[in-house]
């Protein structure tokens, strides 16, 4: 029997407009000071100075309690900050994972020792990576082989994680590992651990992508020790925690604004004719639809719900949109991608080279569509 998935209609409350004005002024100051130059895919650009400024301005840990360095703002106020930064092409990569998902996980499920990291995250001075995918597992997290073995005072982690963005810059990584023998239920027996990337037993190896940049890494754990204080939640709770975490990872504006700088440049360069108007109108309509769905998920998260399936739909549709943007723009403007060029030509090249990854990061298209089919009762 099939099921229906709905996205409740949500309007941003009036106080978000004040936040929008504040973040726009902040971004203009950062541009004027030469802290960053706008670029597409900006949530994968590392800039420690920008992250520290975000922390000082109160734009990190926005929804967290004051006592851990947060600002007790709403999820929708935070949403406005994120969409403004991404639309402006601001380099949020340094603090991105820690602020978006690692910090909230620690806040809800971490020990007091782990929570001591939160003020540093909110200050833009502590960075995290994600330790989910593996060379032989990909997006099938139930196939994770990294092993956690119980030892005195904690655990030893042995295994390999891959596609770990900015592990070479990060301080910590939250690792999903098998902590108990596998049973008939493949999702049982997992635990999440906060691993110190500078500690013994951790090796970070670079992976250079198609665009020639180093964002991704392979991280190898060889009997790396993690104390009990740095277990997230309880042993065996890893699957529930990681799937809840993915709702934060898959539903935000990063899933449809990665190519926004290219869209803006194309709109400015387009001819004033009916064909260009039609193409631009189509892009704007799809953006507006995706944004409304994403805001709806943010409101559900704020209400304490777990909209995992809704988040998956936003991620999948957003990836389709982002991957189609370069070809759509080229159908409107005759521009050759050129990494060494300037303006539209450079941004086009940047988007073309990064676009293949949009349907991989956060879960491959095949895995996500399988989840959707199961969620609506088609399999």
Protein backbone atom coordinates (compact mmCIF):
# COMPACT_ATOMS: atom_id res chain seq x y z
CA UNK A 1 0.00 0.00 0.00
CA UNK A 2 1.46 3.35 -1.02
CA UNK A 3 1.84 6.30 1.35
CA UNK A 4 1.74 10.04 0.79
CA UNK A 5 4.55 12.40 1.78
CA UNK A 6 3.57 15.98 2.53
CA UNK A 7 5.62 19.13 3.15
CA UNK A 8 3.67 21.46 5.47
CA UNK A 9 3.41 25.03 4.18
CA UNK A 10 5.67 27.27 6.29
CA UNK A 11 6.16 31.04 6.23
CA UNK A 12 9.28 32.54 7.73
CA UNK A 13 8.41 34.56 10.86
CA UNK A 14 8.95 38.35 10.90
CA UNK A 15 12.06 38.19 13.11
CA UNK A 16 13.94 36.37 10.37
CA UNK A 17 13.98 39.55 8.26
CA UNK A 18 16.04 41.33 10.90
CA UNK A 19 18.44 38.39 10.89
CA UNK A 20 18.59 38.58 7.09
CA UNK A 21 19.57 42.26 7.21
CA UNK A 22 22.24 41.53 9.80
CA UNK A 23 23.85 38.69 7.88
CA UNK A 24 23.83 40.66 4.62
CA UNK A 25 25.63 43.54 6.32
CA UNK A 26 28.11 41.06 7.82
CA UNK A 27 28.80 39.48 4.43
CA UNK A 28 29.31 42.87 2.80
CA UNK A 29 31.86 43.78 5.48
CA UNK A 30 33.71 40.50 4.91
CA UNK A 31 33.81 41.12 1.16
CA UNK A 32 34.99 44.69 1.67
CA UNK A 33 37.75 43.43 3.98
CA UNK A 34 38.90 40.91 1.37
CA UNK A 35 38.05 37.89 3.52
CA UNK A 36 36.44 36.07 0.57
CA UNK A 37 35.51 36.28 -3.09
CA UNK A 38 32.09 34.81 -3.96
CA UNK A 39 32.21 31.32 -5.47
CA UNK A 40 29.88 28.45 -6.21
CA UNK A 41 29.93 25.26 -4.12
CA UNK A 42 31.03 27.54 -1.29
CA UNK A 43 30.08 25.16 1.50
CA UNK A 44 33.05 23.10 0.33
CA UNK A 45 35.52 26.00 0.56
CA UNK A 46 37.66 26.17 3.71
CA UNK A 47 38.34 29.62 5.17
CA UNK A 48 39.26 29.68 8.86
CA UNK A 49 39.20 33.48 9.08
CA UNK A 50 35.66 33.64 7.76
CA UNK A 51 34.54 30.95 10.22
CA UNK A 52 36.08 32.84 13.15
CA UNK A 53 34.24 35.97 12.06
CA UNK A 54 30.99 34.00 11.86
CA UNK A 55 31.54 32.81 15.40
CA UNK A 56 32.28 36.31 16.70
CA UNK A 57 29.13 37.62 14.97
CA UNK A 58 26.93 34.98 16.59
CA UNK A 59 26.18 33.06 13.41
CA UNK A 60 27.40 29.67 14.68
CA UNK A 61 25.69 27.50 17.27
CA UNK A 62 22.68 29.74 16.76
CA UNK A 63 20.07 27.33 18.13
CA UNK A 64 22.19 26.06 21.04
CA UNK A 65 21.86 27.08 24.71
CA UNK A 66 23.88 30.06 25.95
CA UNK A 67 25.80 27.92 28.41
CA UNK A 68 27.58 26.04 25.60
CA UNK A 69 28.33 29.15 23.56
CA UNK A 70 25.06 29.20 21.64
CA UNK A 71 22.58 31.99 21.03
CA UNK A 72 19.16 30.34 21.54
CA UNK A 73 17.78 31.44 18.18
CA UNK A 74 15.22 29.48 16.18
CA UNK A 75 15.93 26.89 13.50
CA UNK A 76 14.32 29.18 10.91
CA UNK A 77 16.51 32.12 11.93
CA UNK A 78 19.52 29.88 11.42
CA UNK A 79 18.06 28.79 8.08
CA UNK A 80 18.02 32.40 6.87
CA UNK A 81 21.68 32.85 7.83
CA UNK A 82 22.68 29.71 5.94
CA UNK A 83 20.78 30.54 2.77
CA UNK A 84 22.15 34.09 2.71
CA UNK A 85 25.72 32.87 3.12
CA UNK A 86 25.37 30.24 0.40
CA UNK A 87 23.60 32.63 -1.97
CA UNK A 88 26.48 35.07 -1.43
CA UNK A 89 29.05 32.37 -2.23
CA UNK A 90 30.62 32.68 1.22
CA UNK A 91 33.24 30.04 2.23
CA UNK A 92 31.50 28.23 5.09
CA UNK A 93 33.39 24.94 4.70
CA UNK A 94 35.58 25.16 7.80
CA UNK A 95 32.74 25.23 10.31
CA UNK A 96 30.07 23.60 8.13
CA UNK A 97 29.92 20.04 9.46
CA UNK A 98 30.53 20.97 13.10
CA UNK A 99 27.78 23.59 13.12
CA UNK A 100 25.28 21.69 10.97
CA UNK A 101 25.35 18.21 12.46
CA UNK A 102 28.27 17.25 14.73
CA UNK A 103 27.55 19.97 17.29
CA UNK A 104 23.81 19.18 17.51
CA UNK A 105 24.61 15.47 17.93
CA UNK A 106 27.02 16.22 20.77
CA UNK A 107 24.57 18.63 22.36
CA UNK A 108 21.86 15.97 22.48
CA UNK A 109 23.85 12.79 22.99
CA UNK A 110 27.37 13.71 24.14
CA UNK A 111 29.02 13.45 27.55
CA UNK A 112 30.05 16.51 29.54
CA UNK A 113 33.60 16.04 28.23
CA UNK A 114 32.34 16.04 24.65
CA UNK A 115 30.10 19.06 25.28
CA UNK A 116 33.17 21.00 26.31
CA UNK A 117 33.94 21.21 22.57
CA UNK A 118 30.73 23.11 21.80
CA UNK A 119 31.92 26.63 22.77
CA UNK A 120 34.90 26.21 20.43
CA UNK A 121 32.60 25.13 17.60
CA UNK A 122 30.35 28.14 18.25
CA UNK A 123 33.43 30.38 18.14
CA UNK A 124 34.41 29.01 14.72
CA UNK A 125 37.60 27.52 16.10
CA UNK A 126 36.88 23.76 16.15
CA UNK A 127 36.16 21.80 12.97
CA UNK A 128 34.64 18.36 12.38
CA UNK A 129 34.52 15.81 9.57
CA UNK A 130 32.02 13.02 8.86
CA UNK A 131 33.19 9.40 9.17
CA UNK A 132 30.40 7.46 7.48
CA UNK A 133 31.26 6.26 3.95
CA UNK A 134 33.81 3.51 3.37
CA UNK A 135 35.66 2.20 0.27
CA UNK A 136 33.58 -1.01 0.11
CA UNK A 137 30.32 0.38 1.48
CA UNK A 138 29.66 3.72 -0.18
CA UNK A 139 26.21 4.97 0.77
CA UNK A 140 25.18 1.59 2.19
CA UNK A 141 25.97 2.42 5.79
CA UNK A 142 24.72 -0.96 6.99
CA UNK A 143 27.77 -2.42 5.20
CA UNK A 144 30.24 -0.39 7.28
CA UNK A 145 33.21 -2.53 8.32
CA UNK A 146 35.18 -0.16 10.55
CA UNK A 147 35.41 -2.02 13.84
CA UNK A 148 35.28 -0.77 17.42
CA UNK A 149 36.73 -3.16 20.00
CA UNK A 150 36.12 -2.74 23.72
CA UNK A 151 39.29 -2.09 25.76
CA UNK A 152 39.93 -0.76 29.24
CA UNK A 153 38.55 2.76 29.54
CA UNK A 154 37.24 2.96 26.03
CA UNK A 155 37.44 1.53 22.51
CA UNK A 156 39.94 0.83 19.75
CA UNK A 157 38.88 1.86 16.24
CA UNK A 158 40.27 0.07 13.19
CA UNK A 159 39.13 0.64 9.61
CA UNK A 160 38.97 3.14 6.76
CA UNK A 161 36.66 6.04 5.94
CA UNK A 162 36.55 7.78 2.59
CA UNK A 163 35.29 11.04 1.03
CA UNK A 164 35.88 12.76 4.36
CA UNK A 165 35.72 16.43 3.47
CA UNK A 166 38.44 18.59 5.06
CA UNK A 167 39.74 15.83 7.34
CA UNK A 168 43.19 17.33 6.69
CA UNK A 169 42.03 20.59 8.33
CA UNK A 170 39.58 19.26 10.93
CA UNK A 171 40.23 18.64 14.61
CA UNK A 172 37.75 15.78 15.08
CA UNK A 173 35.70 13.28 13.11
CA UNK A 174 32.56 11.44 14.23
CA UNK A 175 32.99 7.84 13.10
CA UNK A 176 30.29 5.21 12.61
CA UNK A 177 31.78 1.82 13.53
CA UNK A 178 30.56 -1.70 14.19
CA UNK A 179 30.83 -2.28 17.93
CA UNK A 180 29.03 -5.65 18.11
CA UNK A 181 28.88 -8.73 15.85
CA UNK A 182 26.48 -8.50 12.92
CA UNK A 183 23.09 -10.15 13.31
CA UNK A 184 20.24 -10.74 10.88
CA UNK A 185 19.37 -7.08 11.40
CA UNK A 186 22.19 -5.31 9.53
CA UNK A 187 21.39 -2.03 11.27
CA UNK A 188 22.14 -3.28 14.77
CA UNK A 189 25.51 -3.18 16.55
CA UNK A 190 26.77 0.25 15.46
CA UNK A 191 28.15 3.05 17.63
CA UNK A 192 29.34 6.58 16.88
CA UNK A 193 32.68 7.82 18.23
CA UNK A 194 34.34 11.24 18.37
CA UNK A 195 37.88 10.67 17.14
CA UNK A 196 40.74 13.14 17.54
CA UNK A 197 42.35 13.44 14.09
CA UNK A 198 45.68 14.49 15.61
CA UNK A 199 45.92 11.48 17.95
CA UNK A 200 47.97 8.28 17.37
CA UNK A 201 46.44 5.64 15.14
CA UNK A 202 44.93 8.07 12.60
CA UNK A 203 46.32 8.66 9.09
CA UNK A 204 44.76 11.17 6.68
CA UNK A 205 45.45 10.64 2.98
CA UNK A 206 44.46 13.22 0.34
CA UNK A 207 42.04 12.58 -2.54
CA UNK A 208 42.33 15.20 -5.30
CA UNK A 209 39.07 15.66 -7.20
CA UNK A 210 38.30 16.22 -10.87
CA UNK A 211 38.60 19.98 -10.43
CA UNK A 212 42.14 19.55 -9.14
CA UNK A 213 41.29 20.61 -5.59
CA UNK A 214 41.89 18.78 -2.33
CA UNK A 215 38.69 18.63 -0.31
CA UNK A 216 38.25 14.88 0.14
CA UNK A 217 40.38 12.47 2.11
CA UNK A 218 40.76 8.85 3.06
CA UNK A 219 41.10 8.41 6.83
CA UNK A 220 42.68 5.21 8.15
CA UNK A 221 42.28 4.14 11.78
CA UNK A 222 44.78 1.65 13.20
CA UNK A 223 43.90 0.68 16.79
CA UNK A 224 42.99 4.32 17.47
CA UNK A 225 41.90 4.71 21.10
CA UNK A 226 38.69 6.57 21.99
CA UNK A 227 37.73 7.03 25.63
CA UNK A 228 34.24 6.26 26.86
CA UNK A 229 33.66 10.01 27.24
CA UNK A 230 33.82 10.36 23.46
CA UNK A 231 31.16 7.81 22.61
CA UNK A 232 28.12 9.57 21.11
CA UNK A 233 24.99 8.27 22.80
CA UNK A 234 25.11 4.70 24.06
CA UNK A 235 26.94 1.74 22.49
CA UNK A 236 24.67 0.17 19.89
CA UNK A 237 22.73 3.39 19.30
CA UNK A 238 24.78 4.39 16.29
CA UNK A 239 22.28 3.57 13.54
CA UNK A 240 19.48 5.62 15.06
CA UNK A 241 21.81 8.56 15.65
CA UNK A 242 23.38 8.53 12.21
CA UNK A 243 20.04 8.37 10.39
CA UNK A 244 18.75 11.26 12.50
CA UNK A 245 21.90 13.20 11.69
CA UNK A 246 21.36 12.72 7.97
CA UNK A 247 18.12 14.70 8.15
CA UNK A 248 20.28 17.75 8.96
CA UNK A 249 22.80 16.88 6.24
CA UNK A 250 20.37 16.28 3.39
CA UNK A 251 17.70 18.93 3.69
CA UNK A 252 19.42 22.31 3.91
CA UNK A 253 19.81 25.04 1.29
CA UNK A 254 23.25 23.67 0.43
CA UNK A 255 21.40 20.99 -1.53
CA UNK A 256 20.17 23.47 -4.15
CA UNK A 257 22.37 26.59 -3.81
CA UNK A 258 25.75 25.07 -4.72
CA UNK A 259 25.45 26.51 -8.24
CA UNK A 260 23.73 29.74 -7.20
CA UNK A 261 26.69 31.95 -8.07
CA UNK A 262 26.58 30.61 -11.64
CA UNK A 263 22.82 31.27 -11.83
CA UNK A 264 23.29 34.86 -10.65
CA UNK A 265 26.08 35.52 -13.14
CA UNK A 266 24.04 33.98 -15.94
CA UNK A 267 21.02 36.16 -15.15
CA UNK A 268 23.22 39.27 -15.30
CA UNK A 269 24.79 38.21 -18.62
CA UNK A 270 21.64 36.95 -20.36
CA UNK A 271 20.08 38.69 -23.33
CA UNK A 272 16.83 40.54 -22.79
CA UNK A 273 14.65 38.25 -24.90
CA UNK A 274 11.77 35.82 -24.47
CA UNK A 275 13.92 32.70 -24.62
CA UNK A 276 16.23 33.87 -21.83
CA UNK A 277 13.23 34.96 -19.77
CA UNK A 278 11.70 31.51 -20.13
CA UNK A 279 14.90 29.73 -19.05
CA UNK A 280 15.49 32.07 -16.11
CA UNK A 281 11.87 31.72 -15.07
CA UNK A 282 12.24 27.95 -15.03
CA UNK A 283 15.36 28.14 -12.85
CA UNK A 284 13.73 30.54 -10.41
CA UNK A 285 10.55 28.45 -10.18
CA UNK A 286 12.52 25.31 -9.35
CA UNK A 287 14.63 27.18 -6.79
CA UNK A 288 11.52 28.55 -5.11
CA UNK A 289 9.97 25.09 -4.92
CA UNK A 290 13.10 23.51 -3.45
CA UNK A 291 13.45 26.33 -0.94
CA UNK A 292 9.88 25.91 0.28
CA UNK A 293 10.42 22.18 0.77
CA UNK A 294 13.69 22.80 2.58
CA UNK A 295 12.13 25.40 4.90
CA UNK A 296 9.35 22.94 5.64
CA UNK A 297 11.90 20.32 6.74
CA UNK A 298 13.67 22.92 8.90
CA UNK A 299 10.37 23.66 10.64
CA UNK A 300 9.83 19.95 11.28
CA UNK A 301 13.31 19.62 12.75
CA UNK A 302 12.62 22.59 15.01
CA UNK A 303 9.44 20.86 16.19
CA UNK A 304 11.49 17.85 17.25
CA UNK A 305 10.34 15.62 14.40
CA UNK A 306 12.59 13.32 12.34
CA UNK A 307 11.72 14.09 8.71
CA UNK A 308 14.26 11.70 7.25
CA UNK A 309 12.28 10.81 4.14
CA UNK A 310 11.37 14.43 3.42
CA UNK A 311 15.05 15.34 3.74
CA UNK A 312 15.97 12.61 1.26
CA UNK A 313 13.51 14.03 -1.29
CA UNK A 314 14.97 17.54 -0.92
CA UNK A 315 18.47 16.18 -1.38
CA UNK A 316 17.60 14.12 -4.47
CA UNK A 317 15.62 16.86 -6.23
CA UNK A 318 18.24 19.44 -5.27
CA UNK A 319 21.05 17.35 -6.75
CA UNK A 320 19.12 16.96 -10.02
CA UNK A 321 18.63 20.72 -10.18
CA UNK A 322 22.24 21.58 -9.40
CA UNK A 323 23.60 19.13 -11.96
CA UNK A 324 21.35 20.56 -14.66
CA UNK A 325 22.26 24.21 -14.02
CA UNK A 326 25.48 24.29 -16.14
CA UNK A 327 23.79 22.83 -19.24
CA UNK A 328 20.74 25.07 -18.72
CA UNK A 329 22.95 28.15 -18.56
CA UNK A 330 24.90 27.11 -21.64
CA UNK A 331 21.64 26.70 -23.56
CA UNK A 332 21.01 30.38 -22.85
CA UNK A 333 24.54 31.85 -23.05
CA UNK A 334 27.38 30.74 -25.33
CA UNK A 335 30.17 30.52 -22.76
CA UNK A 336 33.07 28.07 -22.71
CA UNK A 337 34.13 26.75 -19.30
CA UNK A 338 37.60 27.99 -18.42
CA UNK A 339 39.20 27.37 -15.02
CA UNK A 340 41.88 29.94 -15.70
CA UNK A 341 39.38 32.48 -16.92
CA UNK A 342 37.31 35.06 -15.12
CA UNK A 343 33.70 35.68 -14.23
CA UNK A 344 31.10 33.51 -15.92
CA UNK A 345 33.64 31.33 -17.80
CA UNK A 346 35.45 30.42 -14.59
CA UNK A 347 32.28 29.82 -12.61
CA UNK A 348 30.94 27.64 -15.40
CA UNK A 349 34.09 25.50 -15.30
CA UNK A 350 33.89 25.33 -11.51
CA UNK A 351 30.29 24.10 -11.65
CA UNK A 352 30.87 21.63 -14.49
CA UNK A 353 33.75 19.96 -12.66
CA UNK A 354 31.98 19.77 -9.30
CA UNK A 355 28.52 18.81 -10.58
CA UNK A 356 29.18 15.03 -10.78
CA UNK A 357 29.71 14.93 -7.00
CA UNK A 358 26.33 16.53 -6.23
CA UNK A 359 24.48 13.21 -6.64
CA UNK A 360 27.05 11.33 -4.53
CA UNK A 361 27.66 13.42 -1.42
CA UNK A 362 25.06 12.91 1.27
CA UNK A 363 24.03 9.59 -0.30
CA UNK A 364 24.03 8.37 -3.89
CA UNK A 365 20.96 8.88 -6.04
CA UNK A 366 20.32 5.12 -6.21
CA UNK A 367 20.36 4.71 -2.43
CA UNK A 368 18.15 7.76 -1.88
CA UNK A 369 15.56 6.71 -4.42
CA UNK A 370 15.46 3.26 -2.89
CA UNK A 371 14.71 4.90 0.46
CA UNK A 372 11.94 6.99 -1.10
CA UNK A 373 10.40 3.94 -2.77
CA UNK A 374 10.43 2.06 0.53
CA UNK A 375 9.01 5.07 2.36
CA UNK A 376 5.99 5.35 0.09
CA UNK A 377 5.39 1.59 0.10
CA UNK A 378 6.63 0.75 -3.41
CA UNK A 379 9.17 -1.85 -2.23
